[in-house]
């Protein structure tokens, strides 16, 4: 049971709490970006670049600046609790 909390963070070279911090940053960034897009939908002159800037920041942190541990770089994850790939 404990491995369910540590396998994925280990696969990306993080501890459980480091991964919690990183995932929380992603969630907050997506939430704020989503709000900015909703504001922009109603007020087209507002938040014109906020959504795309957040997407760029997310991409840079997730893909461009990813730091995987060398021993787990090629290991595939099994998804949510080992059931759904990619969740």
Foldseek 3Di string as FASTA:
>chain_A
DVCLQAVVCLLQPHGSVVVVVVVVVLVVLVVVLVVLVVVCVVVVVGSVCSNVVSVVVVCCVPPVVRHGDPVNPPPADQPNVNPDGPD
